Amino acid sequence: MTNETFELSSDRDNRVYVAGPMTGIEDYNFPEFIKASEMLRSQGYEVMNPADHGVVEGAEWSDYLRHDIAKLSRCSKVFFLPGWSSSKGANLEMYIATSLGMEIYYLDDNHNVVTE
C-alpha cells in the first residue's frame, strides 16, 4: 500500500482549468491565458493555467500535454478560450473534460462566459 494522495470530487470543487490554443500563436497565447486566469482568480477560483509553466527548454508538445492533462484532471470546471476548437490539444482536453463530466464554459474575447 502506498501513501498516494487521492482526491475526491469535493477536493476539486473550486479548481478550474483554462484551455485554449497555443501552438502557432504569438507568445503561445500566454497573455490571453493569463488574463483569463486573473479574471477567474478574482472570482475566487483556484486556477490551473497551462501558461504558468512557460516555455520549458527541451520540452516537446507531448511533454506539455501530459503535464497539462494531469492539471486538468484535478479540476471540476474548464474554461475554453476563443479558438479552442482549432487546437489539437484543446480538443483532447474537451474530450477528457466531457468524459469526466466536468462543467464546461466558454470565454469570449473579453473573457465573459458565453454559450457556444
PDB file of N, CA and C in Angstrom:
ATOM      1  N   MET A   1       0.841  -1.177   0.000  1.00  0.00           N
ATOM      2  CA  MET A   1       0.000   0.000   0.000  1.00  0.00           C
ATOM      3  C   MET A   1       0.888   1.242   0.000  1.00  0.00           C
ATOM      4  N   THR A   2       0.485   2.240  -0.816  1.00  0.00           N
ATOM      5  CA  THR A   2       1.268   3.477  -0.910  1.00  0.00           C
ATOM      6  C   THR A   2       0.597   4.592  -0.118  1.00  0.00           C
ATOM      7  N   ASN A   3       1.299   5.667   0.012  1.00  0.00           N
ATOM      8  CA  ASN A   3       0.764   6.857   0.664  1.00  0.00           C
ATOM      9  C   ASN A   3       0.311   7.878  -0.375  1.00  0.00           C
ATOM     10  N   GLU A   4      -0.097   7.397  -1.524  1.00  0.00           N
ATOM     11  CA  GLU A   4      -0.525   8.268  -2.617  1.00  0.00           C
ATOM     12  C   GLU A   4      -1.738   9.097  -2.194  1.00  0.00           C
ATOM     13  N   THR A   5      -1.724  10.377  -2.559  1.00  0.00           N
ATOM     14  CA  THR A   5      -2.854  11.256  -2.290  1.00  0.00           C
ATOM     15  C   THR A   5      -3.971  10.946  -3.276  1.00  0.00           C
ATOM     16  N   PHE A   6      -5.171  10.835  -2.766  1.00  0.00           N
ATOM     17  CA  PHE A   6      -6.343  10.530  -3.598  1.00  0.00           C
ATOM     18  C   PHE A   6      -7.325  11.670  -3.433  1.00  0.00           C
ATOM     19  N   GLU A   7      -7.695  12.320  -4.535  1.00  0.00           N
ATOM     20  CA  GLU A   7      -8.609  13.449  -4.470  1.00  0.00           C
ATOM     21  C   GLU A   7     -10.040  13.020  -4.748  1.00  0.00           C
ATOM     22  N   LEU A   8     -10.956  13.525  -3.951  1.00  0.00           N
ATOM     23  CA  LEU A   8     -12.376  13.310  -4.155  1.00  0.00           C
ATOM     24  C   LEU A   8     -12.960  14.510  -4.893  1.00  0.00           C
ATOM     25  N   SER A   9     -14.186  14.372  -5.373  1.00  0.00           N
ATOM     26  CA  SER A   9     -14.810  15.470  -6.118  1.00  0.00           C
ATOM     27  C   SER A   9     -14.864  16.747  -5.287  1.00  0.00           C
ATOM     28  N   SER A  10     -15.075  16.624  -3.985  1.00  0.00           N
ATOM     29  CA  SER A  10     -15.126  17.811  -3.128  1.00  0.00           C
ATOM     30  C   SER A  10     -13.781  18.543  -3.092  1.00  0.00           C
ATOM     31  N   ASP A  11     -12.682  17.831  -3.321  1.00  0.00           N
ATOM     32  CA  ASP A  11     -11.359  18.452  -3.362  1.00  0.00           C
ATOM     33  C   ASP A  11     -11.189  19.306  -4.620  1.00  0.00           C
ATOM     34  N   ARG A  12     -11.963  19.000  -5.660  1.00  0.00           N
ATOM     35  CA  ARG A  12     -11.841  19.686  -6.954  1.00  0.00           C
ATOM     36  C   ARG A  12     -12.863  20.796  -7.140  1.00  0.00           C
ATOM     37  N   ASP A  13     -13.806  20.937  -6.220  1.00  0.00           N
ATOM     38  CA  ASP A  13     -14.951  21.834  -6.402  1.00  0.00           C
ATOM     39  C   ASP A  13     -14.603  23.243  -6.873  1.00  0.00           C
ATOM     40  N   ASN A  14     -13.594  23.846  -6.323  1.00  0.00           N
ATOM     41  CA  ASN A  14     -13.277  25.240  -6.634  1.00  0.00           C
ATOM     42  C   ASN A  14     -12.094  25.377  -7.589  1.00  0.00           C
ATOM     43  N   ARG A  15     -11.655  24.282  -8.150  1.00  0.00           N
ATOM     44  CA  ARG A  15     -10.475  24.285  -9.022  1.00  0.00           C
ATOM     45  C   ARG A  15     -10.913  24.266 -10.485  1.00  0.00           C
ATOM     46  N   VAL A  16     -10.381  25.206 -11.275  1.00  0.00           N
ATOM     47  CA  VAL A  16     -10.742  25.308 -12.692  1.00  0.00           C
ATOM     48  C   VAL A  16      -9.490  25.274 -13.562  1.00  0.00           C
ATOM     49  N   TYR A  17      -9.698  24.876 -14.800  1.00  0.00           N
ATOM     50  CA  TYR A  17      -8.623  24.769 -15.786  1.00  0.00           C
ATOM     51  C   TYR A  17      -8.940  25.699 -16.945  1.00  0.00           C
ATOM     52  N   VAL A  18      -7.931  26.369 -17.464  1.00  0.00           N
ATOM     53  CA  VAL A  18      -8.093  27.224 -18.642  1.00  0.00           C
ATOM     54  C   VAL A  18      -7.514  26.479 -19.836  1.00  0.00           C
ATOM     55  N   ALA A  19      -8.317  26.324 -20.882  1.00  0.00           N
ATOM     56  CA  ALA A  19      -7.892  25.605 -22.082  1.00  0.00           C
ATOM     57  C   ALA A  19      -8.023  26.516 -23.290  1.00  0.00           C
ATOM     58  N   GLY A  20      -7.172  26.288 -24.261  1.00  0.00           N
ATOM     59  CA  GLY A  20      -7.257  27.080 -25.487  1.00  0.00           C
ATOM     60  C   GLY A  20      -6.071  26.821 -26.378  1.00  0.00           C
ATOM     61  N   PRO A  21      -6.057  27.492 -27.508  1.00  0.00           N
ATOM     62  CA  PRO A  21      -4.973  27.290 -28.468  1.00  0.00           C
ATOM     63  C   PRO A  21      -3.675  27.946 -28.012  1.00  0.00           C
ATOM     64  N   MET A  22      -2.565  27.288 -28.306  1.00  0.00           N
ATOM     65  CA  MET A  22      -1.240  27.827 -28.015  1.00  0.00           C
ATOM     66  C   MET A  22      -0.326  27.731 -29.235  1.00  0.00           C
ATOM     67  N   THR A  23      -0.267  26.543 -29.816  1.00  0.00           N
ATOM     68  CA  THR A  23       0.654  26.288 -30.923  1.00  0.00           C
ATOM     69  C   THR A  23       0.353  27.201 -32.101  1.00  0.00           C
ATOM     70  N   GLY A  24       1.393  27.856 -32.596  1.00  0.00           N
ATOM     71  CA  GLY A  24       1.264  28.713 -33.775  1.00  0.00           C
ATOM     72  C   GLY A  24       0.746  30.104 -33.479  1.00  0.00           C
ATOM     73  N   ILE A  25       0.521  30.429 -32.213  1.00  0.00           N
ATOM     74  CA  ILE A  25       0.025  31.750 -31.834  1.00  0.00           C
ATOM     75  C   ILE A  25       1.167  32.528 -31.182  1.00  0.00           C
ATOM     76  N   GLU A  26       1.223  33.821 -31.493  1.00  0.00           N
ATOM     77  CA  GLU A  26       2.273  34.670 -30.936  1.00  0.00           C
ATOM     78  C   GLU A  26       2.308  34.533 -29.409  1.00  0.00           C
ATOM     79  N   ASP A  27       3.497  34.392 -28.875  1.00  0.00           N
ATOM     80  CA  ASP A  27       3.707  34.213 -27.431  1.00  0.00           C
ATOM     81  C   ASP A  27       2.891  33.051 -26.872  1.00  0.00           C
ATOM     82  N   TYR A  28       2.590  32.085 -27.730  1.00  0.00           N
ATOM     83  CA  TYR A  28       1.834  30.881 -27.354  1.00  0.00           C
ATOM     84  C   TYR A  28       0.475  31.206 -26.732  1.00  0.00           C
ATOM     85  N   ASN A  29      -0.019  32.414 -27.006  1.00  0.00           N
ATOM     86  CA  ASN A  29      -1.307  32.854 -26.469  1.00  0.00           C
ATOM     87  C   ASN A  29      -1.267  33.036 -24.950  1.00  0.00           C
ATOM     88  N   PHE A  30      -0.066  33.063 -24.377  1.00  0.00           N
ATOM     89  CA  PHE A  30       0.069  33.206 -22.930  1.00  0.00           C
ATOM     90  C   PHE A  30      -0.678  34.425 -22.382  1.00  0.00           C
ATOM     91  N   PRO A  31      -0.614  35.609 -23.064  1.00  0.00           N
ATOM     92  CA  PRO A  31      -1.325  36.766 -22.498  1.00  0.00           C
ATOM     93  C   PRO A  31      -2.823  36.510 -22.282  1.00  0.00           C
ATOM     94  N   GLU A  32      -3.464  35.797 -23.203  1.00  0.00           N
ATOM     95  CA  GLU A  32      -4.894  35.504 -23.049  1.00  0.00           C
ATOM     96  C   GLU A  32      -5.140  34.508 -21.912  1.00  0.00           C
ATOM     97  N   PHE A  33      -4.268  33.527 -21.795  1.00  0.00           N
ATOM     98  CA  PHE A  33      -4.383  32.579 -20.690  1.00  0.00           C
ATOM     99  C   PHE A  33      -4.226  33.297 -19.351  1.00  0.00           C
ATOM    100  N   ILE A  34      -3.276  34.203 -19.289  1.00  0.00           N
ATOM    101  CA  ILE A  34      -3.017  34.939 -18.047  1.00  0.00           C
ATOM    102  C   ILE A  34      -4.190  35.841 -17.692  1.00  0.00           C
ATOM    103  N   LYS A  35      -4.739  36.562 -18.694  1.00  0.00           N
ATOM    104  CA  LYS A  35      -5.899  37.432 -18.435  1.00  0.00           C
ATOM    105  C   LYS A  35      -7.086  36.621 -17.931  1.00  0.00           C
ATOM    106  N   ALA A  36      -7.353  35.502 -18.571  1.00  0.00           N
ATOM    107  CA  ALA A  36      -8.474  34.657 -18.143  1.00  0.00           C
ATOM    108  C   ALA A  36      -8.243  34.140 -16.725  1.00  0.00           C
ATOM    109  N   SER A  37      -7.022  33.741 -16.437  1.00  0.00           N
ATOM    110  CA  SER A  37      -6.700  33.222 -15.108  1.00  0.00           C
ATOM    111  C   SER A  37      -6.881  34.292 -14.037  1.00  0.00           C
ATOM    112  N   GLU A  38      -6.446  35.508 -14.332  1.00  0.00           N
ATOM    113  CA  GLU A  38      -6.607  36.603 -13.374  1.00  0.00           C
ATOM    114  C   GLU A  38      -8.076  36.879 -13.109  1.00  0.00           C
ATOM    115  N   MET A  39      -8.893  36.858 -14.164  1.00  0.00           N
ATOM    116  CA  MET A  39     -10.325  37.084 -14.008  1.00  0.00           C
ATOM    117  C   MET A  39     -10.943  35.992 -13.137  1.00  0.00           C
ATOM    118  N   LEU A  40     -10.588  34.742 -13.397  1.00  0.00           N
ATOM    119  CA  LEU A  40     -11.146  33.623 -12.630  1.00  0.00           C
ATOM    120  C   LEU A  40     -10.668  33.641 -11.180  1.00  0.00           C
ATOM    121  N   ARG A  41      -9.409  33.994 -10.966  1.00  0.00           N
ATOM    122  CA  ARG A  41      -8.898  34.097  -9.589  1.00  0.00           C
ATOM    123  C   ARG A  41      -9.623  35.198  -8.828  1.00  0.00           C
ATOM    124  N   SER A  42      -9.938  36.299  -9.521  1.00  0.00           N
ATOM    125  CA  SER A  42     -10.659  37.395  -8.856  1.00  0.00           C
ATOM    126  C   SER A  42     -12.060  36.966  -8.426  1.00  0.00           C
ATOM    127  N   GLN A  43     -12.576  35.889  -9.025  1.00  0.00           N
ATOM    128  CA  GLN A  43     -13.879  35.346  -8.654  1.00  0.00           C
ATOM    129  C   GLN A  43     -13.756  34.242  -7.601  1.00  0.00           C
ATOM    130  N   GLY A  44     -12.530  34.028  -7.117  1.00  0.00           N
ATOM    131  CA  GLY A  44     -12.319  33.091  -6.023  1.00  0.00           C
ATOM    132  C   GLY A  44     -11.936  31.677  -6.423  1.00  0.00           C
ATOM    133  N   TYR A  45     -11.717  31.448  -7.707  1.00  0.00           N
ATOM    134  CA  TYR A  45     -11.332  30.107  -8.153  1.00  0.00           C
ATOM    135  C   TYR A  45      -9.841  29.862  -7.947  1.00  0.00           C
ATOM    136  N   GLU A  46      -9.502  28.611  -7.726  1.00  0.00           N
ATOM    137  CA  GLU A  46      -8.113  28.159  -7.797  1.00  0.00           C
ATOM    138  C   GLU A  46      -7.912  27.744  -9.261  1.00  0.00           C
ATOM    139  N   VAL A  47      -6.997  28.392  -9.942  1.00  0.00           N
ATOM    140  CA  VAL A  47      -6.865  28.228 -11.388  1.00  0.00           C
ATOM    141  C   VAL A  47      -5.640  27.408 -11.757  1.00  0.00           C
ATOM    142  N   MET A  48      -5.862  26.442 -12.622  1.00  0.00           N
ATOM    143  CA  MET A  48      -4.786  25.681 -13.244  1.00  0.00           C
ATOM    144  C   MET A  48      -4.616  26.263 -14.643  1.00  0.00           C
ATOM    145  N   ASN A  49      -3.512  26.941 -14.854  1.00  0.00           N
ATOM    146  CA  ASN A  49      -3.256  27.648 -16.104  1.00  0.00           C
ATOM    147  C   ASN A  49      -2.040  27.023 -16.787  1.00  0.00           C
ATOM    148  N   PRO A  50      -2.218  26.397 -17.952  1.00  0.00           N
ATOM    149  CA  PRO A  50      -1.076  25.773 -18.618  1.00  0.00           C
ATOM    150  C   PRO A  50       0.004  26.765 -19.050  1.00  0.00           C
ATOM    151  N   ALA A  51      -0.301  28.048 -19.073  1.00  0.00           N
ATOM    152  CA  ALA A  51       0.721  29.040 -19.411  1.00  0.00           C
ATOM    153  C   ALA A  51       1.670  29.289 -18.241  1.00  0.00           C
ATOM    154  N   ASP A  52       1.280  28.871 -17.043  1.00  0.00           N
ATOM    155  CA  ASP A  52       2.107  29.131 -15.864  1.00  0.00           C
ATOM    156  C   ASP A  52       3.491  28.497 -15.953  1.00  0.00           C
ATOM    157  N   HIS A  53       3.601  27.365 -16.645  1.00  0.00           N
ATOM    158  CA  HIS A  53       4.917  26.728 -16.731  1.00  0.00           C
ATOM    159  C   HIS A  53       5.817  27.397 -17.760  1.00  0.00           C
ATOM    160  N   GLY A  54       5.258  28.266 -18.586  1.00  0.00           N
ATOM    161  CA  GLY A  54       6.052  28.952 -19.604  1.00  0.00           C
ATOM    162  C   GLY A  54       6.636  27.980 -20.614  1.00  0.00           C
ATOM    163  N   VAL A  55       7.667  28.415 -21.277  1.00  0.00           N
ATOM    164  CA  VAL A  55       8.354  27.576 -22.260  1.00  0.00           C
ATOM    165  C   VAL A  55       9.463  26.823 -21.528  1.00  0.00           C
ATOM    166  N   VAL A  56       9.429  25.518 -21.613  1.00  0.00           N
ATOM    167  CA  VAL A  56      10.398  24.676 -20.915  1.00  0.00           C
ATOM    168  C   VAL A  56      11.408  24.166 -21.939  1.00  0.00           C
ATOM    169  N   GLU A  57      12.665  24.477 -21.710  1.00  0.00           N
ATOM    170  CA  GLU A  57      13.713  24.059 -22.644  1.00  0.00           C
ATOM    171  C   GLU A  57      13.742  22.540 -22.780  1.00  0.00           C
ATOM    172  N   GLY A  58      13.714  22.077 -24.014  1.00  0.00           N
ATOM    173  CA  GLY A  58      13.780  20.655 -24.298  1.00  0.00           C
ATOM    174  C   GLY A  58      12.428  19.952 -24.303  1.00  0.00           C
ATOM    175  N   ALA A  59      11.376  20.651 -23.884  1.00  0.00           N
ATOM    176  CA  ALA A  59      10.046  20.022 -23.833  1.00  0.00           C
ATOM    177  C   ALA A  59       9.453  19.940 -25.228  1.00  0.00           C
ATOM    178  N   GLU A  60       8.780  18.845 -25.488  1.00  0.00           N
ATOM    179  CA  GLU A  60       8.066  18.647 -26.737  1.00  0.00           C
ATOM    180  C   GLU A  60       6.579  18.809 -26.477  1.00  0.00           C
ATOM    181  N   TRP A  61       5.796  18.898 -27.551  1.00  0.00           N
ATOM    182  CA  TRP A  61       4.355  19.086 -27.438  1.00  0.00           C
ATOM    183  C   TRP A  61       3.744  18.040 -26.512  1.00  0.00           C
ATOM    184  N   SER A  62       4.130  16.786 -26.678  1.00  0.00           N
ATOM    185  CA  SER A  62       3.559  15.717 -25.853  1.00  0.00           C
ATOM    186  C   SER A  62       3.945  15.872 -24.383  1.00  0.00           C
ATOM    187  N   ASP A  63       5.117  16.429 -24.104  1.00  0.00           N
ATOM    188  CA  ASP A  63       5.519  16.670 -22.709  1.00  0.00           C
ATOM    189  C   ASP A  63       4.583  17.692 -22.056  1.00  0.00           C
ATOM    190  N   TYR A  64       4.328  18.781 -22.788  1.00  0.00           N
ATOM    191  CA  TYR A  64       3.413  19.800 -22.266  1.00  0.00           C
ATOM    192  C   TYR A  64       2.023  19.204 -22.043  1.00  0.00           C
ATOM    193  N   LEU A  65       1.539  18.463 -23.029  1.00  0.00           N
ATOM    194  CA  LEU A  65       0.188  17.916 -22.943  1.00  0.00           C
ATOM    195  C   LEU A  65       0.047  16.957 -21.764  1.00  0.00           C
ATOM    196  N   ARG A  66       1.021  16.106 -21.547  1.00  0.00           N
ATOM    197  CA  ARG A  66       0.967  15.183 -20.407  1.00  0.00           C
ATOM    198  C   ARG A  66       0.894  15.953 -19.087  1.00  0.00           C
ATOM    199  N   HIS A  67       1.716  16.973 -18.980  1.00  0.00           N
ATOM    200  CA  HIS A  67       1.735  17.801 -17.773  1.00  0.00           C
ATOM    201  C   HIS A  67       0.387  18.487 -17.571  1.00  0.00           C
ATOM    202  N   ASP A  68      -0.147  19.051 -18.660  1.00  0.00           N
ATOM    203  CA  ASP A  68      -1.383  19.808 -18.568  1.00  0.00           C
ATOM    204  C   ASP A  68      -2.608  18.923 -18.341  1.00  0.00           C
ATOM    205  N   ILE A  69      -2.616  17.735 -18.903  1.00  0.00           N
ATOM    206  CA  ILE A  69      -3.730  16.813 -18.669  1.00  0.00           C
ATOM    207  C   ILE A  69      -3.789  16.423 -17.187  1.00  0.00           C
ATOM    208  N   ALA A  70      -2.632  16.273 -16.574  1.00  0.00           N
ATOM    209  CA  ALA A  70      -2.618  15.983 -15.134  1.00  0.00           C
ATOM    210  C   ALA A  70      -3.266  17.128 -14.357  1.00  0.00           C
ATOM    211  N   LYS A  71      -2.985  18.379 -14.765  1.00  0.00           N
ATOM    212  CA  LYS A  71      -3.616  19.532 -14.117  1.00  0.00           C
ATOM    213  C   LYS A  71      -5.122  19.533 -14.362  1.00  0.00           C
ATOM    214  N   LEU A  72      -5.507  19.287 -15.601  1.00  0.00           N
ATOM    215  CA  LEU A  72      -6.920  19.257 -15.968  1.00  0.00           C
ATOM    216  C   LEU A  72      -7.691  18.260 -15.108  1.00  0.00           C
ATOM    217  N   SER A  73      -7.112  17.104 -14.898  1.00  0.00           N
ATOM    218  CA  SER A  73      -7.804  16.044 -14.159  1.00  0.00           C
ATOM    219  C   SER A  73      -8.051  16.412 -12.702  1.00  0.00           C
ATOM    220  N   ARG A  74      -7.385  17.424 -12.212  1.00  0.00           N
ATOM    221  CA  ARG A  74      -7.545  17.847 -10.818  1.00  0.00           C
ATOM    222  C   ARG A  74      -8.587  18.951 -10.642  1.00  0.00           C
ATOM    223  N   CYS A  75      -9.328  19.254 -11.728  1.00  0.00           N
ATOM    224  CA  CYS A  75     -10.295  20.351 -11.712  1.00  0.00           C
ATOM    225  C   CYS A  75     -11.729  19.851 -11.846  1.00  0.00           C
ATOM    226  N   SER A  76     -12.674  20.732 -11.525  1.00  0.00           N
ATOM    227  CA  SER A  76     -14.096  20.416 -11.685  1.00  0.00           C
ATOM    228  C   SER A  76     -14.712  21.149 -12.865  1.00  0.00           C
ATOM    229  N   LYS A  77     -14.045  22.211 -13.316  1.00  0.00           N
ATOM    230  CA  LYS A  77     -14.572  23.046 -14.390  1.00  0.00           C
ATOM    231  C   LYS A  77     -13.459  23.373 -15.382  1.00  0.00           C
ATOM    232  N   VAL A  78     -13.865  23.605 -16.638  1.00  0.00           N
ATOM    233  CA  VAL A  78     -12.911  24.036 -17.667  1.00  0.00           C
ATOM    234  C   VAL A  78     -13.480  25.263 -18.366  1.00  0.00           C
ATOM    235  N   PHE A  79     -12.643  26.255 -18.560  1.00  0.00           N
ATOM    236  CA  PHE A  79     -12.999  27.458 -19.296  1.00  0.00           C
ATOM    237  C   PHE A  79     -12.179  27.472 -20.585  1.00  0.00           C
ATOM    238  N   PHE A  80     -12.879  27.437 -21.709  1.00  0.00           N
ATOM    239  CA  PHE A  80     -12.228  27.393 -23.017  1.00  0.00           C
ATOM    240  C   PHE A  80     -12.133  28.787 -23.615  1.00  0.00           C
ATOM    241  N   LEU A  81     -10.921  29.143 -24.049  1.00  0.00           N
ATOM    242  CA  LEU A  81     -10.668  30.423 -24.702  1.00  0.00           C
ATOM    243  C   LEU A  81     -11.133  30.381 -26.156  1.00  0.00           C
ATOM    244  N   PRO A  82     -11.370  31.551 -26.751  1.00  0.00           N
ATOM    245  CA  PRO A  82     -11.723  31.590 -28.169  1.00  0.00           C
ATOM    246  C   PRO A  82     -10.663  30.878 -29.013  1.00  0.00           C
ATOM    247  N   GLY A  83     -11.123  30.190 -30.039  1.00  0.00           N
ATOM    248  CA  GLY A  83     -10.219  29.485 -30.933  1.00  0.00           C
ATOM    249  C   GLY A  83      -9.852  28.092 -30.471  1.00  0.00           C
ATOM    250  N   TRP A  84     -10.411  27.658 -29.357  1.00  0.00           N
ATOM    251  CA  TRP A  84     -10.032  26.356 -28.807  1.00  0.00           C
ATOM    252  C   TRP A  84     -10.295  25.213 -29.781  1.00  0.00           C
ATOM    253  N   SER A  85     -11.353  25.325 -30.584  1.00  0.00           N
ATOM    254  CA  SER A  85     -11.745  24.195 -31.437  1.00  0.00           C
ATOM    255  C   SER A  85     -10.754  23.933 -32.571  1.00  0.00           C
ATOM    256  N   SER A  86      -9.858  24.892 -32.826  1.00  0.00           N
ATOM    257  CA  SER A  86      -8.835  24.674 -33.854  1.00  0.00           C
ATOM    258  C   SER A  86      -7.546  24.107 -33.269  1.00  0.00           C
ATOM    259  N   SER A  87      -7.553  23.840 -31.973  1.00  0.00           N
ATOM    260  CA  SER A  87      -6.364  23.344 -31.279  1.00  0.00           C
ATOM    261  C   SER A  87      -6.481  21.845 -31.015  1.00  0.00           C
ATOM    262  N   LYS A  88      -5.495  21.099 -31.477  1.00  0.00           N
ATOM    263  CA  LYS A  88      -5.484  19.653 -31.239  1.00  0.00           C
ATOM    264  C   LYS A  88      -5.465  19.344 -29.742  1.00  0.00           C
ATOM    265  N   GLY A  89      -4.648  20.066 -28.991  1.00  0.00           N
ATOM    266  CA  GLY A  89      -4.559  19.839 -27.546  1.00  0.00           C
ATOM    267  C   GLY A  89      -5.843  20.202 -26.824  1.00  0.00           C
ATOM    268  N   ALA A  90      -6.443  21.345 -27.177  1.00  0.00           N
ATOM    269  CA  ALA A  90      -7.686  21.764 -26.521  1.00  0.00           C
ATOM    270  C   ALA A  90      -8.831  20.814 -26.865  1.00  0.00           C
ATOM    271  N   ASN A  91      -8.834  20.263 -28.068  1.00  0.00           N
ATOM    272  CA  ASN A  91      -9.855  19.274 -28.416  1.00  0.00           C
ATOM    273  C   ASN A  91      -9.707  18.020 -27.567  1.00  0.00           C
ATOM    274  N   LEU A  92      -8.490  17.619 -27.319  1.00  0.00           N
ATOM    275  CA  LEU A  92      -8.268  16.473 -26.434  1.00  0.00           C
ATOM    276  C   LEU A  92      -8.710  16.809 -25.017  1.00  0.00           C
ATOM    277  N   GLU A  93      -8.409  18.028 -24.567  1.00  0.00           N
ATOM    278  CA  GLU A  93      -8.847  18.456 -23.239  1.00  0.00           C
ATOM    279  C   GLU A  93     -10.378  18.478 -23.155  1.00  0.00           C
ATOM    280  N   MET A  94     -11.054  18.882 -24.233  1.00  0.00           N
ATOM    281  CA  MET A  94     -12.513  18.866 -24.266  1.00  0.00           C
ATOM    282  C   MET A  94     -13.030  17.430 -24.135  1.00  0.00           C
ATOM    283  N   TYR A  95     -12.408  16.519 -24.861  1.00  0.00           N
ATOM    284  CA  TYR A  95     -12.820  15.117 -24.797  1.00  0.00           C
ATOM    285  C   TYR A  95     -12.674  14.579 -23.364  1.00  0.00           C
ATOM    286  N   ILE A  96     -11.557  14.868 -22.751  1.00  0.00           N
ATOM    287  CA  ILE A  96     -11.319  14.409 -21.382  1.00  0.00           C
ATOM    288  C   ILE A  96     -12.322  15.048 -20.427  1.00  0.00           C
ATOM    289  N   ALA A  97     -12.530  16.352 -20.560  1.00  0.00           N
ATOM    290  CA  ALA A  97     -13.453  17.068 -19.674  1.00  0.00           C
ATOM    291  C   ALA A  97     -14.874  16.521 -19.785  1.00  0.00           C
ATOM    292  N   THR A  98     -15.340  16.283 -20.997  1.00  0.00           N
ATOM    293  CA  THR A  98     -16.695  15.752 -21.158  1.00  0.00           C
ATOM    294  C   THR A  98     -16.765  14.314 -20.652  1.00  0.00           C
ATOM    295  N   SER A  99     -15.717  13.548 -20.881  1.00  0.00           N
ATOM    296  CA  SER A  99     -15.698  12.161 -20.406  1.00  0.00           C
ATOM    297  C   SER A  99     -15.727  12.081 -18.887  1.00  0.00           C
ATOM    298  N   LEU A 100     -15.126  13.063 -18.227  1.00  0.00           N
ATOM    299  CA  LEU A 100     -15.100  13.091 -16.766  1.00  0.00           C
ATOM    300  C   LEU A 100     -16.301  13.816 -16.172  1.00  0.00           C
ATOM    301  N   GLY A 101     -17.190  14.325 -17.012  1.00  0.00           N
ATOM    302  CA  GLY A 101     -18.382  15.015 -16.519  1.00  0.00           C
ATOM    303  C   GLY A 101     -18.093  16.376 -15.911  1.00  0.00           C
ATOM    304  N   MET A 102     -17.029  17.026 -16.374  1.00  0.00           N
ATOM    305  CA  MET A 102     -16.673  18.335 -15.842  1.00  0.00           C
ATOM    306  C   MET A 102     -17.620  19.401 -16.380  1.00  0.00           C
ATOM    307  N   GLU A 103     -17.774  20.494 -15.631  1.00  0.00           N
ATOM    308  CA  GLU A 103     -18.548  21.641 -16.106  1.00  0.00           C
ATOM    309  C   GLU A 103     -17.701  22.375 -17.144  1.00  0.00           C
ATOM    310  N   ILE A 104     -18.315  22.723 -18.273  1.00  0.00           N
ATOM    311  CA  ILE A 104     -17.586  23.346 -19.370  1.00  0.00           C
ATOM    312  C   ILE A 104     -18.161  24.726 -19.652  1.00  0.00           C
ATOM    313  N   TYR A 105     -17.262  25.701 -19.749  1.00  0.00           N
ATOM    314  CA  TYR A 105     -17.638  27.085 -20.021  1.00  0.00           C
ATOM    315  C   TYR A 105     -16.773  27.601 -21.172  1.00  0.00           C
ATOM    316  N   TYR A 106     -17.286  28.616 -21.837  1.00  0.00           N
ATOM    317  CA  TYR A 106     -16.568  29.230 -22.955  1.00  0.00           C
ATOM    318  C   TYR A 106     -16.404  30.711 -22.662  1.00  0.00           C
ATOM    319  N   LEU A 107     -15.237  31.229 -22.957  1.00  0.00           N
ATOM    320  CA  LEU A 107     -14.954  32.643 -22.755  1.00  0.00           C
ATOM    321  C   LEU A 107     -14.866  33.329 -24.110  1.00  0.00           C
ATOM    322  N   ASP A 108     -15.401  34.557 -24.179  1.00  0.00           N
ATOM    323  CA  ASP A 108     -15.270  35.318 -25.419  1.00  0.00           C
ATOM    324  C   ASP A 108     -13.978  36.134 -25.380  1.00  0.00           C
ATOM    325  N   ASP A 109     -13.799  36.999 -26.356  1.00  0.00           N
ATOM    326  CA  ASP A 109     -12.562  37.790 -26.439  1.00  0.00           C
ATOM    327  C   ASP A 109     -12.360  38.724 -25.241  1.00  0.00           C
ATOM    328  N   ASN A 110     -13.444  39.044 -24.534  1.00  0.00           N
ATOM    329  CA  ASN A 110     -13.356  39.901 -23.350  1.00  0.00           C
ATOM    330  C   ASN A 110     -13.391  39.109 -22.053  1.00  0.00           C
ATOM    331  N   HIS A 111     -13.287  37.784 -22.182  1.00  0.00           N
ATOM    332  CA  HIS A 111     -13.292  36.852 -21.059  1.00  0.00           C
ATOM    333  C   HIS A 111     -14.616  36.830 -20.301  1.00  0.00           C
ATOM    334  N   ASN A 112     -15.687  37.089 -21.030  1.00  0.00           N
ATOM    335  CA  ASN A 112     -17.033  36.903 -20.487  1.00  0.00           C
ATOM    336  C   ASN A 112     -17.448  35.471 -20.805  1.00  0.00           C
ATOM    337  N   VAL A 113     -18.178  34.850 -19.894  1.00  0.00           N
ATOM    338  CA  VAL A 113     -18.686  33.500 -20.138  1.00  0.00           C
ATOM    339  C   VAL A 113     -19.815  33.592 -21.157  1.00  0.00           C
ATOM    340  N   VAL A 114     -19.733  32.762 -22.191  1.00  0.00           N
ATOM    341  CA  VAL A 114     -20.738  32.761 -23.255  1.00  0.00           C
ATOM    342  C   VAL A 114     -21.172  31.322 -23.534  1.00  0.00           C
ATOM    343  N   THR A 115     -22.283  31.186 -24.221  1.00  0.00           N
ATOM    344  CA  THR A 115     -22.688  29.871 -24.682  1.00  0.00           C
ATOM    345  C   THR A 115     -22.255  29.754 -26.135  1.00  0.00           C
ATOM    346  N   GLU A 116     -21.941  28.576 -26.559  1.00  0.00           N
ATOM    347  CA  GLU A 116     -21.450  28.397 -27.912  1.00  0.00           C
ATOM    348  C   GLU A 116     -22.572  28.342 -28.904  1.00  0.00           C
TER     349      GLU A 116
END
